[in-house]
Protein backbone atom coordinates (compact mmCIF):
# COMPACT_ATOMS: atom_id res chain seq x y z
CA UNK A 1 7.71 -2.90 10.11
CA UNK A 2 8.75 -5.22 7.27
CA UNK A 3 5.28 -6.38 6.25
CA UNK A 4 1.62 -5.80 7.08
CA UNK A 5 -0.91 -7.84 5.12
CA UNK A 6 -4.20 -9.68 5.26
CA UNK A 7 -5.87 -6.67 6.83
CA UNK A 8 -9.44 -7.02 8.09
CA UNK A 9 -11.46 -4.06 9.36
CA UNK A 10 -14.98 -3.86 10.81
CA UNK A 11 -16.88 -0.64 11.42
CA UNK A 12 -20.35 0.31 12.61
CA UNK A 13 -22.05 3.46 13.81
CA UNK A 14 -24.55 4.11 16.59
CA UNK A 15 -25.47 7.77 16.87
CA UNK A 16 -22.15 9.59 16.57
CA UNK A 17 -20.17 6.70 18.11
CA UNK A 18 -18.22 4.55 15.67
CA UNK A 19 -16.84 1.12 16.54
CA UNK A 20 -13.70 0.08 14.68
CA UNK A 21 -12.10 -3.39 14.78
CA UNK A 22 -8.74 -4.08 13.12
CA UNK A 23 -6.71 -7.22 12.50
CA UNK A 24 -3.69 -7.98 10.30
CA UNK A 25 -0.69 -10.23 9.80
CA UNK A 26 2.47 -8.40 10.86
CA UNK A 27 6.18 -9.15 10.47
CA UNK A 28 8.74 -6.96 12.22
CA UNK A 29 12.35 -7.66 13.19
CA UNK A 30 12.33 -5.17 16.05
CA UNK A 31 9.93 -3.96 18.72
CA UNK A 32 7.42 -1.77 16.92
CA UNK A 33 4.04 -0.10 17.25
CA UNK A 34 0.92 0.35 15.17
CA UNK A 35 -0.60 3.84 15.20
CA UNK A 36 -4.21 4.31 14.05
CA UNK A 37 -5.62 7.82 13.46
CA UNK A 38 -9.03 8.61 14.94
CA UNK A 39 -11.30 11.34 13.46
CA UNK A 40 -12.72 12.50 16.78
CA UNK A 41 -15.54 15.00 16.90
CA UNK A 42 -14.00 18.34 18.01
CA UNK A 43 -14.24 18.91 21.75
CA UNK A 44 -14.50 15.20 22.64
CA UNK A 45 -10.86 14.41 23.48
CA UNK A 46 -11.81 11.85 26.13
CA UNK A 47 -14.43 10.06 24.00
CA UNK A 48 -12.37 6.99 23.05
CA UNK A 49 -12.95 3.58 24.63
CA UNK A 50 -10.64 0.60 24.12
CA UNK A 51 -12.36 -2.78 23.67
CA UNK A 52 -10.72 -6.10 24.56
CA UNK A 53 -11.40 -8.68 21.83
CA UNK A 54 -8.84 -11.28 22.95
CA UNK A 55 -11.79 -13.59 23.64
CA UNK A 56 -12.90 -13.35 20.01
CA UNK A 57 -9.94 -14.64 17.95
CA UNK A 58 -12.32 -15.81 15.18
CA UNK A 59 -14.22 -12.52 15.02
CA UNK A 60 -13.48 -11.93 11.33
CA UNK A 61 -13.90 -15.59 10.40
CA UNK A 62 -17.43 -15.43 11.78
CA UNK A 63 -18.18 -12.15 10.02
CA UNK A 64 -16.99 -13.65 6.73
CA UNK A 65 -19.23 -16.70 7.20
CA UNK A 66 -22.23 -14.47 7.80
CA UNK A 67 -21.46 -12.12 4.92
CA UNK A 68 -21.16 -15.06 2.52
CA UNK A 69 -24.00 -17.17 3.88
CA UNK A 70 -21.59 -19.97 4.87
CA UNK A 71 -22.27 -22.55 7.57
CA UNK A 72 -19.61 -23.18 9.67
CA UNK A 73 -15.98 -3.09 27.21
CA UNK A 74 -13.81 -0.42 27.58
CA UNK A 75 -13.21 2.55 29.89
CA UNK A 76 -12.86 6.15 28.62
CA UNK A 77 -9.39 7.52 29.21
CA UNK A 78 -8.11 11.07 29.64
CA UNK A 79 -4.44 12.01 29.24
CA UNK A 80 -2.36 12.38 32.44
CA UNK A 81 1.17 13.83 32.51
CA UNK A 82 2.42 10.60 30.94
CA UNK A 83 -0.24 8.91 28.87
CA UNK A 84 -1.76 5.85 30.51
CA UNK A 85 -0.70 2.45 29.21
CA UNK A 86 -3.51 -0.12 29.24
CA UNK A 87 -3.36 -3.87 28.75
CA UNK A 88 -5.97 -4.81 26.11
CA UNK A 89 -5.86 -8.54 25.51
CA UNK A 90 -2.39 -9.36 24.14
CA UNK A 91 -1.50 -5.70 23.58
CA UNK A 92 -0.30 -2.73 25.52
CA UNK A 93 -2.04 0.40 24.22
CA UNK A 94 -2.23 4.12 24.81
CA UNK A 95 -4.62 6.80 23.62
CA UNK A 96 -2.97 9.95 22.25
CA UNK A 97 -5.58 12.76 22.19
CA UNK A 98 -3.76 14.81 19.53
CA UNK A 99 -0.44 14.98 17.69
CA UNK A 100 1.13 17.22 20.34
CA UNK A 101 0.64 14.61 23.08
CA UNK A 102 3.06 12.16 21.48
CA UNK A 103 5.69 13.79 23.72
CA UNK A 104 3.81 12.23 26.67
CA UNK A 105 3.75 8.70 25.25
CA UNK A 106 5.48 6.17 27.49
CA UNK A 107 9.03 5.30 26.49
CA UNK A 108 8.10 1.62 26.41
CA UNK A 109 6.50 2.27 22.98
CA UNK A 110 8.76 1.91 19.95
CA UNK A 111 7.54 3.93 16.97
CA UNK A 112 9.02 2.95 13.64
CA UNK A 113 12.68 1.94 13.75
CA UNK A 114 13.61 4.19 16.69
CA UNK A 115 12.49 4.39 20.32
CA UNK A 116 10.50 7.53 21.02
CA UNK A 117 12.07 10.15 23.29
CA UNK A 118 10.53 13.61 23.97
CA UNK A 119 13.42 15.63 22.53
CA UNK A 120 13.68 13.73 19.24
CA UNK A 121 10.47 13.31 17.27
CA UNK A 122 10.59 10.12 15.17
CA UNK A 123 9.51 10.18 11.51
CA UNK A 124 6.19 8.45 12.26
CA UNK A 125 5.05 11.40 14.40
CA UNK A 126 6.01 13.91 11.72
CA UNK A 127 4.12 11.88 9.11
CA UNK A 128 1.03 11.51 11.28
CA UNK A 129 1.07 15.23 11.99
CA UNK A 130 1.21 16.02 8.28
CA UNK A 131 -1.78 13.87 7.40
CA UNK A 132 -3.78 14.00 10.66
CA UNK A 133 -3.01 17.31 12.39
CA UNK A 134 -6.36 17.37 14.24
CA UNK A 135 -6.89 13.66 14.92
CA UNK A 136 -6.49 11.53 18.02
CA UNK A 137 -4.54 8.27 17.85
CA UNK A 138 -4.53 4.81 19.37
CA UNK A 139 -1.07 3.22 19.68
CA UNK A 140 -0.66 -0.55 20.06
CA UNK A 141 2.69 -2.06 21.00
CA UNK A 142 3.85 -5.01 18.85
CA UNK A 143 6.51 -7.55 19.79
CA UNK A 144 9.20 -8.64 17.29
CA UNK A 145 8.41 -11.61 15.06
CA UNK A 146 5.63 -12.76 12.75
CA UNK A 147 2.12 -12.44 14.16
CA UNK A 148 -1.48 -12.90 13.19
CA UNK A 149 -2.88 -10.28 15.53
CA UNK A 150 -6.03 -11.06 17.44
CA UNK A 151 -8.53 -8.29 16.65
CA UNK A 152 -8.17 -5.05 18.57
CA UNK A 153 -10.99 -2.57 18.82
CA UNK A 154 -12.18 0.74 20.16
CA UNK A 155 -15.14 3.07 19.88
CA UNK A 156 -15.07 6.83 19.52
CA UNK A 157 -17.30 9.82 18.86
CA UNK A 158 -16.79 10.46 15.17
CA UNK A 159 -16.80 13.78 13.34
CA UNK A 160 -18.24 12.04 10.28
CA UNK A 161 -21.73 10.80 9.46
CA UNK A 162 -20.17 7.91 7.51
CA UNK A 163 -17.88 5.05 8.48
CA UNK A 164 -14.14 5.62 8.63
CA UNK A 165 -11.61 2.86 7.79
CA UNK A 166 -7.92 3.71 8.49
CA UNK A 167 -6.30 2.31 5.34
CA UNK A 168 -3.58 4.82 4.42
CA UNK A 169 -0.27 2.93 4.28
CA UNK A 170 2.55 4.35 6.40
CA UNK A 171 5.55 2.06 6.75
CA UNK A 172 9.14 2.85 7.78
CA UNK A 173 8.74 6.60 7.38
CA UNK A 174 7.27 6.41 3.88
CA UNK A 175 3.79 7.29 2.56
CA UNK A 176 3.65 6.34 -1.12
CA UNK A 177 1.04 7.92 -3.37
CA UNK A 178 0.01 4.46 -4.57
CA UNK A 179 0.06 1.35 -2.38
CA UNK A 180 -0.66 -2.37 -2.64
CA UNK A 181 -3.95 -3.07 -0.85
CA UNK A 182 -4.94 -6.40 0.68
CA UNK A 183 -7.98 -5.44 2.76
CA UNK A 184 -11.30 -7.00 3.66
CA UNK A 185 -14.01 -4.72 5.04
CA UNK A 186 -17.00 -5.56 7.20
CA UNK A 187 -19.74 -3.26 8.45
CA UNK A 188 -23.31 -2.96 9.60
CA UNK A 189 -25.78 -0.36 8.32
CA UNK A 190 -23.36 0.64 5.56
CA UNK A 191 -23.07 0.48 1.79
CA UNK A 192 -20.33 -2.00 0.97
CA UNK A 193 -20.05 -4.36 -1.99
CA UNK A 194 -22.11 -7.27 -0.66
CA UNK A 195 -25.03 -7.48 1.76
CA UNK A 196 -24.78 -10.73 3.74
CA UNK A 197 -27.79 -13.06 3.81
CA UNK A 198 -27.56 -13.80 7.54
CA UNK A 199 -27.81 -11.77 10.72
CA UNK A 200 -26.13 -12.56 14.07
CA UNK A 201 -29.53 -13.55 15.40
CA UNK A 202 -29.73 -16.21 12.68
CA UNK A 203 -26.34 -17.60 13.75
CA UNK A 204 -26.41 -17.84 17.56
CA UNK A 205 -23.60 -20.43 17.49
CA UNK A 206 -21.14 -17.72 16.42
CA UNK A 207 -19.58 -15.97 19.39
CA UNK A 208 -19.70 -12.23 18.69
CA UNK A 209 -19.26 -9.20 20.98
CA UNK A 210 -22.16 -7.08 22.16
CA UNK A 211 -21.54 -4.17 19.75
CA UNK A 212 -22.66 -6.39 16.84
CA UNK A 213 -26.32 -5.65 16.12
CA UNK A 214 -28.31 -8.87 16.26
CA UNK A 215 -30.89 -7.94 13.63
CA UNK A 216 -28.61 -6.33 11.05
CA UNK A 217 -26.77 -8.29 8.31
CA UNK A 218 -23.03 -8.01 7.82
CA UNK A 219 -21.90 -6.10 4.73
CA UNK A 220 -18.67 -7.21 3.07
CA UNK A 221 -16.16 -5.54 0.75
CA UNK A 222 -12.68 -6.33 -0.52
CA UNK A 223 -9.95 -4.19 -2.08
CA UNK A 224 -6.81 -5.71 -3.55
CA UNK A 225 -4.01 -4.48 -5.78
CA UNK A 226 -2.42 -1.12 -6.39
CA UNK A 227 -4.67 1.77 -5.37
CA UNK A 228 -4.44 5.42 -4.39
CA UNK A 229 -3.00 5.43 -0.87
CA UNK A 230 -5.76 6.95 1.25
CA UNK A 231 -8.24 6.18 4.00
CA UNK A 232 -11.56 4.61 3.08
CA UNK A 233 -15.11 5.71 3.88
CA UNK A 234 -18.48 3.99 3.56
CA UNK A 235 -21.82 5.75 3.42
CA UNK A 236 -24.38 4.72 6.02
CA UNK A 237 -27.51 2.92 4.91
CA UNK A 238 -30.85 4.58 5.58
């Protein structure tokens, strides 16, 4: 993947279920895939639900408006012999319950620069195993070209009592210690940089999915520049 930038991530928590929404601008010369690690609660391998947000292309635009005071359903999956491939809006996606199940990922997925085959583990799987040996993963297939991805989302039972944002940079088999960040964060019931003045209930003209809480404001944060290359967490508000 030549370039990933303009990343936007939303997260919220209800009980031990976290919702995570991700969007970015992507440029890739070849068929590629985006792999997101999921910190599942142990013993809940089937507790991941993909969410189709193709009907909400302005999801993050609306969240930004609310956070700044500007005017302007999935099905749980369990792994069969070959992991199920699901159409989620514009994407094909699969859920990988742990690092060992990458051998059951459909061959239609291209990971990194090479097509995945069971007898030759590509570098991306080795890297993910090194950093996330006990995580699940969601894999989204990307077509060649330059794209502004419509948001893709899922919910999962989290092992953490804080919000998880997958921000560690892994590109072309490399995980640098320091990386250039260009990320905007949105959340509800969390401690980010800015508490928005509006709530979804105040802005009924904004089309937002049902997992957005109608009486809770949108928190906003932004990280840019060279930073330690790691995932990001946000403490929940009381």
